[in-house]
Amino acid sequence: MSRVIHGLKQRNVLETWRGRIAVRDANALRLLACECNAAAARHFRDVLKGVYPADI
């Protein structure tokens, strides 16, 4: 398991089992994410509008 995932598990942000990852605390994950996440979110919102649900 990567150090990043392990650290997020220790903070109770993620949970893993049998090759799966579940987000336990989405707000904490957003706060820990770099500015790249915001750029990707803007891309999905602006360029791919209507393709994905708004709550992603």
PDB file of N, CA and C in Angstrom:
ATOM      1  N   MET A   1       0.856  -1.175   0.000  1.00  0.00           N
ATOM      2  CA  MET A   1       0.000   0.000   0.000  1.00  0.00           C
ATOM      3  C   MET A   1       0.897   1.231   0.000  1.00  0.00           C
ATOM      4  N   SER A   2       0.513   2.236  -0.752  1.00  0.00           N
ATOM      5  CA  SER A   2       1.352   3.427  -0.838  1.00  0.00           C
ATOM      6  C   SER A   2       1.322   4.210   0.477  1.00  0.00           C
ATOM      7  N   ARG A   3       2.357   5.011   0.652  1.00  0.00           N
ATOM      8  CA  ARG A   3       2.439   5.844   1.863  1.00  0.00           C
ATOM      9  C   ARG A   3       1.289   6.827   1.927  1.00  0.00           C
ATOM     10  N   VAL A   4       0.871   7.345   0.783  1.00  0.00           N
ATOM     11  CA  VAL A   4      -0.222   8.322   0.763  1.00  0.00           C
ATOM     12  C   VAL A   4      -1.519   7.677   1.249  1.00  0.00           C
ATOM     13  N   ILE A   5      -1.835   6.529   0.699  1.00  0.00           N
ATOM     14  CA  ILE A   5      -3.068   5.839   1.110  1.00  0.00           C
ATOM     15  C   ILE A   5      -2.990   5.456   2.579  1.00  0.00           C
ATOM     16  N   HIS A   6      -1.846   4.971   3.000  1.00  0.00           N
ATOM     17  CA  HIS A   6      -1.676   4.605   4.404  1.00  0.00           C
ATOM     18  C   HIS A   6      -1.908   5.819   5.314  1.00  0.00           C
ATOM     19  N   GLY A   7      -1.343   6.968   4.936  1.00  0.00           N
ATOM     20  CA  GLY A   7      -1.540   8.179   5.722  1.00  0.00           C
ATOM     21  C   GLY A   7      -2.992   8.617   5.776  1.00  0.00           C
ATOM     22  N   LEU A   8      -3.691   8.497   4.645  1.00  0.00           N
ATOM     23  CA  LEU A   8      -5.107   8.871   4.613  1.00  0.00           C
ATOM     24  C   LEU A   8      -5.950   7.900   5.432  1.00  0.00           C
ATOM     25  N   LYS A   9      -5.553   6.634   5.453  1.00  0.00           N
ATOM     26  CA  LYS A   9      -6.251   5.666   6.306  1.00  0.00           C
ATOM     27  C   LYS A   9      -6.046   5.996   7.779  1.00  0.00           C
ATOM     28  N   GLN A  10      -4.847   6.391   8.154  1.00  0.00           N
ATOM     29  CA  GLN A  10      -4.562   6.747   9.541  1.00  0.00           C
ATOM     30  C   GLN A  10      -5.368   7.962   9.979  1.00  0.00           C
ATOM     31  N   ARG A  11      -5.668   8.849   9.049  1.00  0.00           N
ATOM     32  CA  ARG A  11      -6.477  10.046   9.350  1.00  0.00           C
ATOM     33  C   ARG A  11      -7.974   9.767   9.239  1.00  0.00           C
ATOM     34  N   ASN A  12      -8.347   8.529   8.962  1.00  0.00           N
ATOM     35  CA  ASN A  12      -9.747   8.122   8.781  1.00  0.00           C
ATOM     36  C   ASN A  12     -10.418   8.827   7.609  1.00  0.00           C
ATOM     37  N   VAL A  13      -9.627   9.152   6.594  1.00  0.00           N
ATOM     38  CA  VAL A  13     -10.165   9.773   5.390  1.00  0.00           C
ATOM     39  C   VAL A  13     -10.578   8.698   4.393  1.00  0.00           C
ATOM     40  N   LEU A  14      -9.782   7.626   4.316  1.00  0.00           N
ATOM     41  CA  LEU A  14     -10.050   6.515   3.399  1.00  0.00           C
ATOM     42  C   LEU A  14     -10.166   5.217   4.163  1.00  0.00           C
ATOM     43  N   GLU A  15     -10.807   4.262   3.515  1.00  0.00           N
ATOM     44  CA  GLU A  15     -10.890   2.894   4.009  1.00  0.00           C
ATOM     45  C   GLU A  15     -10.573   1.981   2.819  1.00  0.00           C
ATOM     46  N   THR A  16      -9.804   0.947   3.043  1.00  0.00           N
ATOM     47  CA  THR A  16      -9.487   0.015   1.965  1.00  0.00           C
ATOM     48  C   THR A  16      -9.794  -1.408   2.400  1.00  0.00           C
ATOM     49  N   TRP A  17     -10.161  -2.221   1.410  1.00  0.00           N
ATOM     50  CA  TRP A  17     -10.352  -3.648   1.630  1.00  0.00           C
ATOM     51  C   TRP A  17     -10.385  -4.346   0.285  1.00  0.00           C
ATOM     52  N   ARG A  18      -9.706  -5.466   0.215  1.00  0.00           N
ATOM     53  CA  ARG A  18      -9.685  -6.317  -0.981  1.00  0.00           C
ATOM     54  C   ARG A  18      -9.524  -5.538  -2.280  1.00  0.00           C
ATOM     55  N   GLY A  19      -8.549  -4.644  -2.330  1.00  0.00           N
ATOM     56  CA  GLY A  19      -8.285  -3.895  -3.549  1.00  0.00           C
ATOM     57  C   GLY A  19      -9.248  -2.759  -3.838  1.00  0.00           C
ATOM     58  N   ARG A  20     -10.075  -2.432  -2.878  1.00  0.00           N
ATOM     59  CA  ARG A  20     -11.043  -1.337  -3.064  1.00  0.00           C
ATOM     60  C   ARG A  20     -10.701  -0.187  -2.138  1.00  0.00           C
ATOM     61  N   ILE A  21     -11.096   1.000  -2.538  1.00  0.00           N
ATOM     62  CA  ILE A  21     -10.890   2.200  -1.723  1.00  0.00           C
ATOM     63  C   ILE A  21     -12.226   2.902  -1.568  1.00  0.00           C
ATOM     64  N   ALA A  22     -12.566   3.275  -0.342  1.00  0.00           N
ATOM     65  CA  ALA A  22     -13.783   4.039  -0.070  1.00  0.00           C
ATOM     66  C   ALA A  22     -13.398   5.325   0.654  1.00  0.00           C
ATOM     67  N   VAL A  23     -14.011   6.424   0.255  1.00  0.00           N
ATOM     68  CA  VAL A  23     -13.776   7.706   0.914  1.00  0.00           C
ATOM     69  C   VAL A  23     -14.708   7.786   2.110  1.00  0.00           C
ATOM     70  N   ARG A  24     -14.119   7.926   3.290  1.00  0.00           N
ATOM     71  CA  ARG A  24     -14.900   8.041   4.526  1.00  0.00           C
ATOM     72  C   ARG A  24     -15.224   9.496   4.855  1.00  0.00           C
ATOM     73  N   ASP A  25     -14.325  10.405   4.499  1.00  0.00           N
ATOM     74  CA  ASP A  25     -14.503  11.818   4.830  1.00  0.00           C
ATOM     75  C   ASP A  25     -14.134  12.663   3.606  1.00  0.00           C
ATOM     76  N   ALA A  26     -15.112  12.931   2.766  1.00  0.00           N
ATOM     77  CA  ALA A  26     -14.868  13.656   1.521  1.00  0.00           C
ATOM     78  C   ALA A  26     -14.377  15.080   1.773  1.00  0.00           C
ATOM     79  N   ASN A  27     -14.889  15.737   2.797  1.00  0.00           N
ATOM     80  CA  ASN A  27     -14.448  17.106   3.082  1.00  0.00           C
ATOM     81  C   ASN A  27     -12.982  17.135   3.483  1.00  0.00           C
ATOM     82  N   ALA A  28     -12.554  16.203   4.303  1.00  0.00           N
ATOM     83  CA  ALA A  28     -11.141  16.136   4.695  1.00  0.00           C
ATOM     84  C   ALA A  28     -10.269  15.852   3.479  1.00  0.00           C
ATOM     85  N   LEU A  29     -10.731  14.988   2.593  1.00  0.00           N
ATOM     86  CA  LEU A  29      -9.964  14.672   1.388  1.00  0.00           C
ATOM     87  C   LEU A  29      -9.819  15.912   0.508  1.00  0.00           C
ATOM     88  N   ARG A  30     -10.888  16.700   0.378  1.00  0.00           N
ATOM     89  CA  ARG A  30     -10.821  17.945  -0.398  1.00  0.00           C
ATOM     90  C   ARG A  30      -9.821  18.922   0.210  1.00  0.00           C
ATOM     91  N   LEU A  31      -9.813  19.021   1.529  1.00  0.00           N
ATOM     92  CA  LEU A  31      -8.890  19.940   2.185  1.00  0.00           C
ATOM     93  C   LEU A  31      -7.435  19.520   1.996  1.00  0.00           C
ATOM     94  N   LEU A  32      -7.194  18.233   1.880  1.00  0.00           N
ATOM     95  CA  LEU A  32      -5.840  17.714   1.707  1.00  0.00           C
ATOM     96  C   LEU A  32      -5.385  17.695   0.252  1.00  0.00           C
ATOM     97  N   ALA A  33      -6.309  17.846  -0.678  1.00  0.00           N
ATOM     98  CA  ALA A  33      -5.985  17.756  -2.103  1.00  0.00           C
ATOM     99  C   ALA A  33      -5.226  19.001  -2.558  1.00  0.00           C
ATOM    100  N   CYS A  34      -4.394  18.823  -3.565  1.00  0.00           N
ATOM    101  CA  CYS A  34      -3.647  19.960  -4.119  1.00  0.00           C
ATOM    102  C   CYS A  34      -4.560  20.751  -5.053  1.00  0.00           C
ATOM    103  N   GLU A  35      -4.032  21.846  -5.570  1.00  0.00           N
ATOM    104  CA  GLU A  35      -4.810  22.697  -6.486  1.00  0.00           C
ATOM    105  C   GLU A  35      -5.139  21.982  -7.792  1.00  0.00           C
ATOM    106  N   CYS A  36      -4.443  20.882  -8.075  1.00  0.00           N
ATOM    107  CA  CYS A  36      -4.732  20.100  -9.280  1.00  0.00           C
ATOM    108  C   CYS A  36      -6.166  19.568  -9.250  1.00  0.00           C
ATOM    109  N   ASN A  37      -6.649  19.224  -8.070  1.00  0.00           N
ATOM    110  CA  ASN A  37      -8.004  18.698  -7.948  1.00  0.00           C
ATOM    111  C   ASN A  37      -9.033  19.746  -8.369  1.00  0.00           C
ATOM    112  N   ALA A  38      -8.807  20.986  -7.970  1.00  0.00           N
ATOM    113  CA  ALA A  38      -9.729  22.060  -8.357  1.00  0.00           C
ATOM    114  C   ALA A  38      -9.711  22.264  -9.870  1.00  0.00           C
ATOM    115  N   ALA A  39      -8.531  22.174 -10.479  1.00  0.00           N
ATOM    116  CA  ALA A  39      -8.421  22.326 -11.930  1.00  0.00           C
ATOM    117  C   ALA A  39      -9.166  21.205 -12.643  1.00  0.00           C
ATOM    118  N   ALA A  40      -9.026  19.990 -12.163  1.00  0.00           N
ATOM    119  CA  ALA A  40      -9.735  18.857 -12.771  1.00  0.00           C
ATOM    120  C   ALA A  40     -11.243  19.015 -12.592  1.00  0.00           C
ATOM    121  N   ALA A  41     -11.664  19.476 -11.438  1.00  0.00           N
ATOM    122  CA  ALA A  41     -13.092  19.680 -11.183  1.00  0.00           C
ATOM    123  C   ALA A  41     -13.664  20.741 -12.124  1.00  0.00           C
ATOM    124  N   ARG A  42     -12.915  21.827 -12.334  1.00  0.00           N
ATOM    125  CA  ARG A  42     -13.366  22.866 -13.275  1.00  0.00           C
ATOM    126  C   ARG A  42     -13.478  22.297 -14.685  1.00  0.00           C
ATOM    127  N   HIS A  43     -12.530  21.475 -15.076  1.00  0.00           N
ATOM    128  CA  HIS A  43     -12.567  20.853 -16.398  1.00  0.00           C
ATOM    129  C   HIS A  43     -13.829  20.016 -16.566  1.00  0.00           C
ATOM    130  N   PHE A  44     -14.097  19.158 -15.586  1.00  0.00           N
ATOM    131  CA  PHE A  44     -15.293  18.318 -15.671  1.00  0.00           C
ATOM    132  C   PHE A  44     -16.553  19.169 -15.701  1.00  0.00           C
ATOM    133  N   ARG A  45     -16.574  20.240 -14.916  1.00  0.00           N
ATOM    134  CA  ARG A  45     -17.752  21.102 -14.866  1.00  0.00           C
ATOM    135  C   ARG A  45     -17.938  21.873 -16.168  1.00  0.00           C
ATOM    136  N   ASP A  46     -16.865  22.436 -16.693  1.00  0.00           N
ATOM    137  CA  ASP A  46     -16.964  23.320 -17.845  1.00  0.00           C
ATOM    138  C   ASP A  46     -16.973  22.588 -19.183  1.00  0.00           C
ATOM    139  N   VAL A  47     -16.045  21.687 -19.383  1.00  0.00           N
ATOM    140  CA  VAL A  47     -15.889  21.024 -20.675  1.00  0.00           C
ATOM    141  C   VAL A  47     -16.849  19.848 -20.838  1.00  0.00           C
ATOM    142  N   LEU A  48     -17.068  19.134 -19.778  1.00  0.00           N
ATOM    143  CA  LEU A  48     -17.897  17.925 -19.864  1.00  0.00           C
ATOM    144  C   LEU A  48     -19.272  18.117 -19.238  1.00  0.00           C
ATOM    145  N   LYS A  49     -19.735  19.345 -19.200  1.00  0.00           N
ATOM    146  CA  LYS A  49     -21.035  19.656 -18.590  1.00  0.00           C
ATOM    147  C   LYS A  49     -22.132  18.775 -19.203  1.00  0.00           C
ATOM    148  N   GLY A  50     -22.919  18.177 -18.347  1.00  0.00           N
ATOM    149  CA  GLY A  50     -24.017  17.346 -18.786  1.00  0.00           C
ATOM    150  C   GLY A  50     -23.660  15.885 -18.981  1.00  0.00           C
ATOM    151  N   VAL A  51     -22.351  15.568 -19.011  1.00  0.00           N
ATOM    152  CA  VAL A  51     -21.953  14.174 -19.218  1.00  0.00           C
ATOM    153  C   VAL A  51     -21.969  13.422 -17.887  1.00  0.00           C
ATOM    154  N   TYR A  52     -21.560  14.107 -16.808  1.00  0.00           N
ATOM    155  CA  TYR A  52     -21.491  13.492 -15.484  1.00  0.00           C
ATOM    156  C   TYR A  52     -22.464  14.189 -14.548  1.00  0.00           C
ATOM    157  N   PRO A  53     -22.958  13.483 -13.529  1.00  0.00           N
ATOM    158  CA  PRO A  53     -23.839  14.106 -12.550  1.00  0.00           C
ATOM    159  C   PRO A  53     -23.137  15.282 -11.850  1.00  0.00           C
ATOM    160  N   ALA A  54     -23.898  16.268 -11.437  1.00  0.00           N
ATOM    161  CA  ALA A  54     -23.352  17.481 -10.840  1.00  0.00           C
ATOM    162  C   ALA A  54     -22.664  17.233  -9.500  1.00  0.00           C
ATOM    163  N   ASP A  55     -23.009  16.178  -8.796  1.00  0.00           N
ATOM    164  CA  ASP A  55     -22.458  15.968  -7.448  1.00  0.00           C
ATOM    165  C   ASP A  55     -21.129  15.230  -7.452  1.00  0.00           C
ATOM    166  N   ILE A  56     -20.526  14.998  -8.598  1.00  0.00           N
ATOM    167  CA  ILE A  56     -19.219  14.316  -8.633  1.00  0.00           C
ATOM    168  C   ILE A  56     -18.122  15.309  -8.347  1.00  0.00           C
TER     169      ILE A  56
END
